[in-house]
Protein backbone atom coordinates (compact mmCIF):
# COMPACT_ATOMS: atom_id res chain seq x y z
CA UNK A 1 0.00 0.00 0.00
CA UNK A 2 1.36 3.43 -1.01
CA UNK A 3 0.71 6.84 0.56
CA UNK A 4 -0.16 9.44 -2.08
CA UNK A 5 -1.36 13.05 -2.10
CA UNK A 6 -3.49 14.31 0.79
CA UNK A 7 -3.10 11.06 2.72
CA UNK A 8 -4.80 8.99 0.03
CA UNK A 9 -3.65 5.39 -0.02
CA UNK A 10 -3.19 3.30 -3.16
CA UNK A 11 -3.48 -0.47 -3.33
CA UNK A 12 -1.97 -2.10 -6.42
CA UNK A 13 -3.46 -5.45 -7.38
CA UNK A 14 -2.23 -8.01 -9.93
CA UNK A 15 -3.82 -8.78 -13.28
CA UNK A 16 -3.03 -11.87 -15.36
CA UNK A 17 -2.92 -9.82 -18.58
CA UNK A 18 -1.52 -6.44 -19.63
CA UNK A 19 -1.02 -3.94 -18.09
CA UNK A 20 -0.44 -6.45 -15.29
CA UNK A 21 -1.87 -4.35 -12.47
CA UNK A 22 -4.84 -2.21 -11.42
CA UNK A 23 -5.02 0.41 -8.68
CA UNK A 24 -7.68 0.79 -6.00
CA UNK A 25 -7.73 3.84 -3.74
CA UNK A 26 -8.55 4.41 -0.09
CA UNK A 27 -9.92 7.86 0.74
CA UNK A 28 -10.20 9.11 4.31
CA UNK A 29 -12.64 11.82 5.29
CA UNK A 30 -14.94 12.69 8.17
CA UNK A 31 -16.95 9.52 7.72
CA UNK A 32 -14.19 6.93 7.73
CA UNK A 33 -12.54 5.23 4.76
CA UNK A 34 -13.96 4.97 1.23
CA UNK A 35 -12.53 2.30 -1.08
CA UNK A 36 -12.63 3.05 -4.81
CA UNK A 37 -12.73 -0.17 -6.89
CA UNK A 38 -11.73 -3.65 -5.81
CA UNK A 39 -9.62 -5.35 -8.48
CA UNK A 40 -10.28 -8.70 -10.10
CA UNK A 41 -11.94 -11.47 -8.12
CA UNK A 42 -9.00 -13.85 -8.20
CA UNK A 43 -9.17 -16.89 -5.89
CA UNK A 44 -7.12 -15.16 -3.20
CA UNK A 45 -8.85 -11.77 -3.50
CA UNK A 46 -10.54 -11.84 -0.09
CA UNK A 47 -7.38 -12.92 1.70
CA UNK A 48 -5.31 -10.33 -0.15
CA UNK A 49 -7.74 -7.57 0.80
CA UNK A 50 -7.76 -8.66 4.44
CA UNK A 51 -3.97 -8.34 4.43
CA UNK A 52 -3.99 -5.00 2.60
CA UNK A 53 -6.56 -3.42 4.89
CA UNK A 54 -4.97 -4.76 8.04
CA UNK A 55 -8.00 -3.95 10.14
CA UNK A 56 -8.64 -0.57 8.51
CA UNK A 57 -12.37 0.12 8.68
CA UNK A 58 -13.85 0.66 5.23
CA UNK A 59 -17.30 2.26 5.49
CA UNK A 60 -18.18 2.42 1.80
CA UNK A 61 -17.05 1.08 -1.57
CA UNK A 62 -17.42 3.03 -4.81
CA UNK A 63 -17.34 1.12 -8.09
CA UNK A 64 -16.24 3.40 -10.94
CA UNK A 65 -17.25 1.00 -13.73
CA UNK A 66 -18.12 -2.62 -14.33
CA UNK A 67 -14.99 -3.83 -16.14
CA UNK A 68 -13.55 -6.99 -14.55
CA UNK A 69 -10.43 -5.44 -13.04
CA UNK A 70 -12.48 -2.79 -11.22
CA UNK A 71 -15.56 -4.69 -10.03
CA UNK A 72 -14.43 -8.32 -9.88
CA UNK A 73 -13.87 -8.58 -6.11
CA UNK A 74 -16.65 -6.18 -5.04
CA UNK A 75 -18.79 -8.82 -3.33
CA UNK A 76 -15.75 -10.27 -1.55
CA UNK A 77 -14.65 -6.91 -0.15
CA UNK A 78 -18.22 -5.93 0.78
CA UNK A 79 -18.61 -9.16 2.77
CA UNK A 80 -15.19 -8.74 4.35
CA UNK A 81 -15.78 -5.14 5.49
CA UNK A 82 -19.56 -4.85 5.76
CA UNK A 83 -19.25 -1.67 3.68
CA UNK A 84 -22.07 -0.12 1.65
CA UNK A 85 -21.44 -0.37 -2.10
CA UNK A 86 -22.15 2.57 -4.44
CA UNK A 87 -22.39 2.28 -8.23
CA UNK A 88 -24.02 4.23 -11.03
CA UNK A 89 -27.41 2.91 -12.16
CA UNK A 90 -26.45 2.64 -15.85
CA UNK A 91 -23.21 0.91 -14.93
CA UNK A 92 -24.96 -1.61 -12.70
CA UNK A 93 -27.51 -2.29 -15.44
CA UNK A 94 -24.71 -3.06 -17.90
CA UNK A 95 -22.90 -5.11 -15.27
CA UNK A 96 -25.93 -7.37 -14.90
CA UNK A 97 -26.41 -7.51 -18.68
CA UNK A 98 -22.83 -8.67 -19.29
CA UNK A 99 -21.87 -10.62 -16.17
CA UNK A 100 -25.26 -11.82 -14.95
CA UNK A 101 -26.77 -12.87 -18.27
CA UNK A 102 -26.13 -16.40 -19.61
CA UNK A 103 -27.22 -15.29 -23.09
CA UNK A 104 -24.63 -12.52 -23.34
CA UNK A 105 -21.77 -14.62 -24.80
CA UNK A 106 -23.83 -15.60 -27.82
CA UNK A 107 -25.17 -12.05 -28.15
CA UNK A 108 -21.71 -10.57 -28.45
CA UNK A 109 -20.49 -13.33 -30.78
CA UNK A 110 -23.48 -12.64 -33.05
CA UNK A 111 -22.73 -8.94 -32.90
CA UNK A 112 -19.13 -9.50 -33.99
CA UNK A 113 -20.36 -11.57 -36.91
CA UNK A 114 -22.76 -8.76 -37.86
CA UNK A 115 -19.74 -6.47 -38.04
CA UNK A 116 -17.84 -8.63 -40.48
CA UNK A 117 -15.83 -10.88 -38.19
CA UNK A 118 -15.59 -14.33 -39.84
CA UNK A 119 -17.54 -16.93 -37.81
CA UNK A 120 -14.49 -18.98 -36.72
CA UNK A 121 -12.74 -15.79 -35.58
CA UNK A 122 -15.89 -14.57 -33.80
CA UNK A 123 -16.08 -17.86 -31.91
CA UNK A 124 -12.42 -17.48 -30.91
CA UNK A 125 -13.05 -13.91 -29.74
CA UNK A 126 -15.99 -15.18 -27.70
CA UNK A 127 -13.74 -17.63 -25.89
CA UNK A 128 -11.22 -14.97 -24.94
CA UNK A 129 -14.00 -12.65 -23.78
CA UNK A 130 -15.19 -15.19 -21.22
CA UNK A 131 -11.79 -15.67 -19.61
CA UNK A 132 -12.63 -13.18 -16.86
CA UNK A 133 -16.20 -14.35 -16.21
CA UNK A 134 -15.21 -16.70 -13.39
CA UNK A 135 -13.35 -13.90 -11.60
CA UNK A 136 -16.25 -11.47 -11.31
CA UNK A 137 -18.28 -11.35 -8.11
CA UNK A 138 -20.10 -8.06 -8.24
CA UNK A 139 -22.20 -6.71 -5.38
CA UNK A 140 -25.94 -7.11 -5.94
CA UNK A 141 -28.26 -4.11 -5.65
CA UNK A 142 -25.69 -1.41 -4.85
CA UNK A 143 -26.75 2.04 -3.65
CA UNK A 144 -27.25 4.16 -6.80
CA UNK A 145 -24.70 6.91 -7.31
CA UNK A 146 -25.29 9.72 -9.81
CA UNK A 147 -23.06 12.48 -11.18
CA UNK A 148 -23.17 15.50 -8.92
CA UNK A 149 -23.85 13.49 -5.79
CA UNK A 150 -21.35 13.47 -2.95
CA UNK A 151 -19.78 10.45 -1.26
CA UNK A 152 -18.21 11.53 2.01
CA UNK A 153 -17.08 14.85 0.56
CA UNK A 154 -16.08 13.53 -2.88
CA UNK A 155 -18.19 14.61 -5.88
CA UNK A 156 -19.11 11.97 -8.44
CA UNK A 157 -18.31 13.08 -12.01
CA UNK A 158 -19.63 11.32 -15.12
CA UNK A 159 -16.93 10.25 -17.58
CA UNK A 160 -18.65 8.12 -20.27
CA UNK A 161 -16.48 6.74 -23.06
CA UNK A 162 -14.29 3.91 -21.83
CA UNK A 163 -17.45 2.61 -20.16
CA UNK A 164 -20.87 4.19 -20.66
CA UNK A 165 -21.50 4.68 -16.96
CA UNK A 166 -17.97 5.34 -15.69
CA UNK A 167 -17.73 7.70 -12.73
CA UNK A 168 -14.76 9.53 -11.22
CA UNK A 169 -14.48 11.23 -7.84
CA UNK A 170 -13.27 14.82 -7.36
CA UNK A 171 -12.33 16.81 -4.26
CA UNK A 172 -9.99 19.78 -3.77
CA UNK A 173 -8.36 19.34 -7.18
CA UNK A 174 -7.71 15.61 -6.75
CA UNK A 175 -9.43 13.44 -9.36
CA UNK A 176 -9.77 9.70 -8.81
CA UNK A 177 -9.98 9.06 -12.54
CA UNK A 178 -10.42 5.27 -12.90
CA UNK A 179 -9.72 4.51 -16.59
CA UNK A 180 -10.75 7.88 -17.98
CA UNK A 181 -7.28 9.42 -18.29
CA UNK A 182 -4.26 7.13 -18.33
CA UNK A 183 -0.61 7.80 -19.11
CA UNK A 184 1.26 6.66 -21.14
CA UNK A 185 -1.35 4.21 -22.47
CA UNK A 186 -4.64 5.28 -24.00
CA UNK A 187 -7.87 3.92 -22.52
CA UNK A 188 -9.80 1.54 -24.78
CA UNK A 189 -12.89 3.18 -26.27
CA UNK A 190 -14.94 0.57 -28.10
CA UNK A 191 -18.45 0.07 -29.42
CA UNK A 192 -20.33 -2.96 -28.09
CA UNK A 193 -23.92 -4.21 -28.32
CA UNK A 194 -26.49 -2.55 -26.06
CA UNK A 195 -24.14 0.36 -25.38
CA UNK A 196 -24.50 4.05 -26.08
CA UNK A 197 -24.33 4.63 -29.85
CA UNK A 198 -21.30 6.96 -29.99
CA UNK A 199 -18.79 6.07 -27.25
CA UNK A 200 -15.94 7.99 -28.88
CA UNK A 201 -18.09 11.12 -29.04
CA UNK A 202 -18.90 10.60 -25.37
CA UNK A 203 -15.22 10.14 -24.59
CA UNK A 204 -14.08 13.27 -26.39
CA UNK A 205 -16.70 15.30 -24.49
CA UNK A 206 -15.58 13.70 -21.21
CA UNK A 207 -11.97 14.66 -21.95
CA UNK A 208 -13.09 18.24 -22.53
CA UNK A 209 -14.71 18.04 -19.11
CA UNK A 210 -11.30 17.27 -17.55
CA UNK A 211 -9.83 20.28 -19.37
CA UNK A 212 -12.60 22.46 -17.89
CA UNK A 213 -12.19 21.07 -14.36
CA UNK A 214 -8.38 21.44 -14.40
CA UNK A 215 -7.66 19.06 -11.50
CA UNK A 216 -4.16 19.41 -10.08
CA UNK A 217 -3.58 15.66 -10.11
CA UNK A 218 -5.36 12.56 -11.41
CA UNK A 219 -5.11 9.13 -9.78
CA UNK A 220 -5.64 6.59 -12.57
CA UNK A 221 -6.66 2.96 -12.55
CA UNK A 222 -3.33 2.02 -14.15
CA UNK A 223 0.05 3.75 -14.09
CA UNK A 224 1.36 6.60 -11.98
CA UNK A 225 -0.42 9.76 -10.81
CA UNK A 226 -0.85 12.30 -13.61
CA UNK A 227 0.53 15.71 -12.66
CA UNK A 228 -1.26 17.69 -15.41
CA UNK A 229 -4.54 15.89 -16.17
CA UNK A 230 -5.87 18.68 -18.41
CA UNK A 231 -2.84 18.49 -20.69
CA UNK A 232 -3.04 14.69 -20.76
CA UNK A 233 -6.71 15.03 -21.77
CA UNK A 234 -5.68 17.32 -24.64
CA UNK A 235 -3.08 14.75 -25.74
CA UNK A 236 -5.74 12.03 -25.77
CA UNK A 237 -8.07 14.23 -27.82
CA UNK A 238 -5.28 14.75 -30.37
CA UNK A 239 -4.59 11.01 -30.38
CA UNK A 240 -8.18 10.16 -31.25
CA UNK A 241 -8.41 12.91 -33.86
CA UNK A 242 -5.42 11.36 -35.58
CA UNK A 243 -7.01 7.90 -35.26
CA UNK A 244 -10.19 9.29 -36.84
CA UNK A 245 -8.12 10.59 -39.74
CA UNK A 246 -6.54 7.16 -40.19
CA UNK A 247 -9.96 5.49 -39.96
CA UNK A 248 -11.32 7.71 -42.71
CA UNK A 249 -8.25 6.91 -44.84
CA UNK A 250 -8.93 3.17 -44.37
CA UNK A 251 -12.29 3.49 -46.13
CA UNK A 252 -12.63 3.19 -49.91
CA UNK A 253 -15.21 2.89 -52.68
CA UNK A 254 -16.12 -0.65 -51.64
CA UNK A 255 -17.99 -1.04 -48.31
CA UNK A 256 -15.74 -2.05 -45.45
CA UNK A 257 -16.79 -3.66 -42.18
CA UNK A 258 -15.47 -2.87 -38.72
CA UNK A 259 -13.40 -6.04 -38.94
CA UNK A 260 -11.91 -4.94 -42.28
CA UNK A 261 -11.00 -1.55 -40.86
CA UNK A 262 -9.44 -3.15 -37.77
CA UNK A 263 -7.06 -5.06 -40.06
CA UNK A 264 -6.01 -1.80 -41.72
CA UNK A 265 -5.60 0.12 -38.46
CA UNK A 266 -4.13 -2.51 -36.16
CA UNK A 267 -2.52 -4.99 -38.57
CA UNK A 268 -3.09 -8.66 -39.28
CA UNK A 269 -1.06 -10.23 -36.49
CA UNK A 270 -3.11 -9.86 -33.31
CA UNK A 271 -4.05 -12.40 -30.69
CA UNK A 272 -7.81 -12.92 -30.22
CA UNK A 273 -8.10 -10.74 -27.13
CA UNK A 274 -6.32 -7.87 -28.88
CA UNK A 275 -8.42 -8.35 -32.05
CA UNK A 276 -11.57 -8.10 -29.94
CA UNK A 277 -10.51 -4.65 -28.71
CA UNK A 278 -9.28 -3.67 -32.19
CA UNK A 279 -12.67 -4.36 -33.78
CA UNK A 280 -14.54 -2.54 -31.01
CA UNK A 281 -12.17 0.45 -31.24
CA UNK A 282 -12.48 0.57 -35.03
CA UNK A 283 -16.26 0.58 -34.73
CA UNK A 284 -16.28 3.43 -32.21
CA UNK A 285 -14.20 5.53 -34.60
CA UNK A 286 -16.37 4.58 -37.58
CA UNK A 287 -19.52 5.59 -35.69
CA UNK A 288 -17.92 8.94 -34.79
CA UNK A 289 -17.13 9.49 -38.47
CA UNK A 290 -20.77 8.76 -39.28
CA UNK A 291 -21.91 11.25 -36.61
CA UNK A 292 -19.55 13.90 -37.99
CA UNK A 293 -20.71 13.32 -41.59
CA UNK A 294 -17.50 11.68 -42.75
CA UNK A 295 -18.85 8.19 -43.41
CA UNK A 296 -22.05 6.38 -44.33
CA UNK A 297 -23.22 3.23 -42.60
CA UNK A 298 -25.21 0.46 -44.24
CA UNK A 299 -26.26 -3.05 -43.33
CA UNK A 300 -29.18 -3.85 -45.58
CA UNK A 301 -27.52 -6.50 -47.74
CA UNK A 302 -25.11 -8.22 -45.40
CA UNK A 303 -22.74 -7.32 -42.60
CA UNK A 304 -22.78 -3.74 -41.29
CA UNK A 305 -20.34 -1.74 -43.42
CA UNK A 306 -19.10 1.79 -44.01
CA UNK A 307 -18.15 3.96 -46.99
CA UNK A 308 -16.86 7.53 -47.21
CA UNK A 309 -19.60 10.19 -47.18
């Protein structure tokens, strides 16, 4: 456990895949300790948390978003501490849809096929997507948390993009940013079934929100604290503008699917897990091009495809 700014404590937990770690944060205020995120629900998660907390009394748990490395051990830590769990309503709805729905694996495999992924590849992507399923024990019926509400002196801020319902926490210029701003890596921003229709548009607006807020430091879900979050947000905006330019350049006179575009943008030699993200990222950029009038989407006569406007 590391001591950070303003007495905030950081717990770094292992992940079996890149980037190899995820951070959770302990925030102390007038009402005791608040834990932000819980890591993946690995077999030793409860024991690890008991050792990390060392008797520290956690009064509440805030889940920033439902991705496995942030919510996986939520039920374990809630049972261990007796803490109240807070999570956004949209995020919890998507959590149940993805992790509590036995029909979801086939739904997402079908969706990949609709976006041009060859059936054998879609089936392989499905297998990699379920690797984490056994390590997710989310807390049922959490207390709803909405943007603008306060949790023990910390204001919840909506940062849709990386996840539709992602929330950060802000107090006195310190932003607990989850996976909204990362450095040096760029957060994944992908389009998935049953999600908001323009995640990249959401993300770019959320980055502008960081520029407006001008926090003095951001505590990310991965990597080290970010000393100039507003400038990092500007860098990420420029990154995605360049990626949009490359996405537009990957289109041609013949309709191209999200899978086709992912091959042009990310290359041919990707493992299934990486291809899954590549297709989703390509689709989020294609949908942003459509929204900005730079591309046309069609799906009447086969897989969903895109052409220049």
